Protein backbone atom coordinates (compact mmCIF):
# COMPACT_ATOMS: atom_id res chain seq x y z
CA MET A 1 -195.19 21.71 -39.75
CA THR A 2 -198.64 22.26 -38.23
CA VAL A 3 -201.85 21.06 -39.90
CA LEU A 4 -202.72 24.68 -40.69
CA GLU A 5 -199.34 25.19 -42.36
CA GLN A 6 -199.78 21.96 -44.33
CA ILE A 7 -203.21 23.01 -45.56
CA THR A 8 -201.97 26.50 -46.45
CA GLU A 9 -199.03 25.05 -48.39
CA MET A 10 -201.25 22.53 -50.18
CA LEU A 11 -203.70 25.28 -51.21
CA HIS A 12 -200.76 27.37 -52.43
CA GLU A 13 -199.64 24.44 -54.59
CA GLU A 14 -203.14 23.71 -55.91
CA ASP A 15 -203.93 27.45 -56.32
CA PRO A 16 -207.69 27.01 -56.82
CA VAL A 17 -208.44 30.68 -57.64
CA GLY A 18 -205.11 31.75 -59.11
CA MET A 19 -203.91 33.90 -56.23
CA ALA A 20 -200.79 32.01 -55.08
CA HIS A 21 -198.42 34.31 -56.93
CA TYR A 22 -199.25 37.14 -54.50
CA SER A 23 -197.69 35.49 -51.43
CA ARG A 24 -196.88 32.09 -49.90
CA ASP A 25 -199.57 32.56 -47.24
CA GLU A 26 -202.28 33.91 -49.60
CA TYR A 27 -204.57 31.00 -48.71
CA GLU A 28 -204.03 31.02 -44.94
CA PRO A 29 -207.48 32.54 -44.15
CA GLU A 30 -209.16 29.83 -46.23
CA ALA A 31 -206.97 27.15 -44.63
CA LYS A 32 -208.13 28.30 -41.18
CA VAL A 33 -211.79 28.02 -42.17
CA ILE A 34 -211.21 24.61 -43.78
CA LEU A 35 -209.44 23.41 -40.62
CA GLU A 36 -212.38 24.58 -38.48
CA ARG A 37 -215.02 22.96 -40.73
CA TYR A 38 -213.26 19.80 -41.88
CA GLN A 39 -215.16 16.54 -41.50
CA ASP A 40 -214.26 13.36 -43.30
CA THR A 41 -217.66 12.06 -44.32
CA GLY A 42 -216.14 9.23 -46.31
CA ASP A 43 -217.35 10.94 -49.49
CA LEU A 44 -214.71 12.90 -51.39
CA LYS A 45 -217.35 14.84 -53.30
CA ALA A 46 -218.89 16.02 -49.99
CA ILE A 47 -215.48 17.16 -48.72
CA ALA A 48 -214.86 18.90 -52.05
CA ALA A 49 -218.25 20.63 -51.77
CA ARG A 50 -217.39 21.96 -48.30
CA VAL A 51 -214.03 23.25 -49.47
CA HIS A 52 -215.60 24.78 -52.57
CA GLN A 53 -218.12 26.55 -50.34
CA VAL A 54 -215.26 28.15 -48.39
CA PHE A 55 -213.84 29.52 -51.63
CA VAL A 56 -217.23 30.73 -52.81
CA GLU A 57 -217.64 32.60 -49.52
CA MET A 58 -214.14 34.10 -49.71
CA PHE A 59 -213.67 34.74 -53.43
CA ASP A 60 -216.93 34.76 -55.36
CA TRP A 61 -217.54 38.50 -55.71
CA GLY A 62 -220.57 38.20 -57.94
CA TYR A 63 -221.30 38.18 -61.63
CA ASP A 64 -219.78 41.57 -62.43
CA SER A 65 -216.54 41.26 -60.52
CA TRP A 66 -212.96 41.77 -61.62
CA GLY A 67 -209.90 39.67 -60.96
CA TYR A 68 -206.66 38.51 -62.52
CA ASP A 69 -206.06 35.67 -64.91
CA SER A 70 -203.03 33.34 -64.95
CA LYS A 71 -201.01 35.97 -66.88
CA ASP A 72 -201.83 38.64 -64.28
CA ARG A 73 -204.16 40.49 -66.66
CA HIS A 74 -207.10 42.34 -65.12
CA VAL A 75 -210.22 40.56 -66.41
CA ARG A 76 -213.95 40.46 -65.76
CA LEU A 77 -214.92 37.31 -63.84
CA GLN A 78 -218.20 35.60 -64.50
CA GLY A 79 -219.48 34.78 -61.00
CA PRO A 80 -218.91 31.10 -60.24
CA SER A 81 -216.01 30.90 -62.69
CA ALA A 82 -213.95 32.76 -60.10
CA THR A 83 -214.10 29.70 -57.86
CA GLY A 84 -214.77 26.95 -60.38
CA SER A 85 -217.03 24.00 -59.72
CA VAL A 86 -217.10 21.43 -56.93
CA ASP A 87 -215.37 18.97 -59.28
CA ASP A 88 -212.37 21.32 -59.37
CA TYR A 89 -211.88 20.69 -55.63
CA VAL A 90 -211.80 16.87 -55.55
CA ARG A 91 -207.99 16.74 -55.69
CA ILE A 92 -207.85 19.25 -52.81
CA ALA A 93 -210.29 17.02 -50.89
CA GLU A 94 -208.02 14.01 -51.51
CA ARG A 95 -204.98 15.92 -50.29
CA LEU A 96 -206.87 17.19 -47.22
CA ARG A 97 -207.84 13.65 -46.33
CA ALA A 98 -204.17 12.64 -46.56
CA ILE A 99 -203.07 15.54 -44.37
CA PHE A 100 -205.57 14.61 -41.67
CA ALA A 101 -204.70 10.91 -41.93
CA LEU A 102 -201.06 11.74 -41.27
CA ASP A 103 -201.98 13.91 -38.29
CA SER A 104 -204.68 11.92 -36.56
CA GLY A 105 -204.17 14.09 -33.45
CA ALA A 106 -205.33 17.20 -35.31
CA PHE A 107 -208.56 17.35 -33.34
CA SER A 108 -207.21 16.34 -29.91
C-alpha cells in the first residue's frame, strides 16, 4: 500500500468532516495535499494545524453553508464547525507521523 493510500485510508477511518460514507476514496484529494505539505516539526499540534488547514481550504464553505450530519440529514453548517478545531486533528497528526515513520523512504 502506498503512502497516499495509507493516508487516504486513515482519513476515511478518522472521517474528520463526516464524508466517508460517500466513498472509500472521498478523502484522496486531501490526502494528496497532506502528502505534498507534510513536515514533521516534532510538534504534534503544528502537524495538526497544517492538516486542519487543508480541511479548512477544502471543506469550509463559509458561515452560511449547508452539509450533512452523521445521520445524513441536510443541515446548515456554522463556518468552522464544518471542519472542527485544530485539537480535533491531533489524532490524525499522530497517525500521520506513524505512517511516515513506517515509510521513511516516502520522500526519496
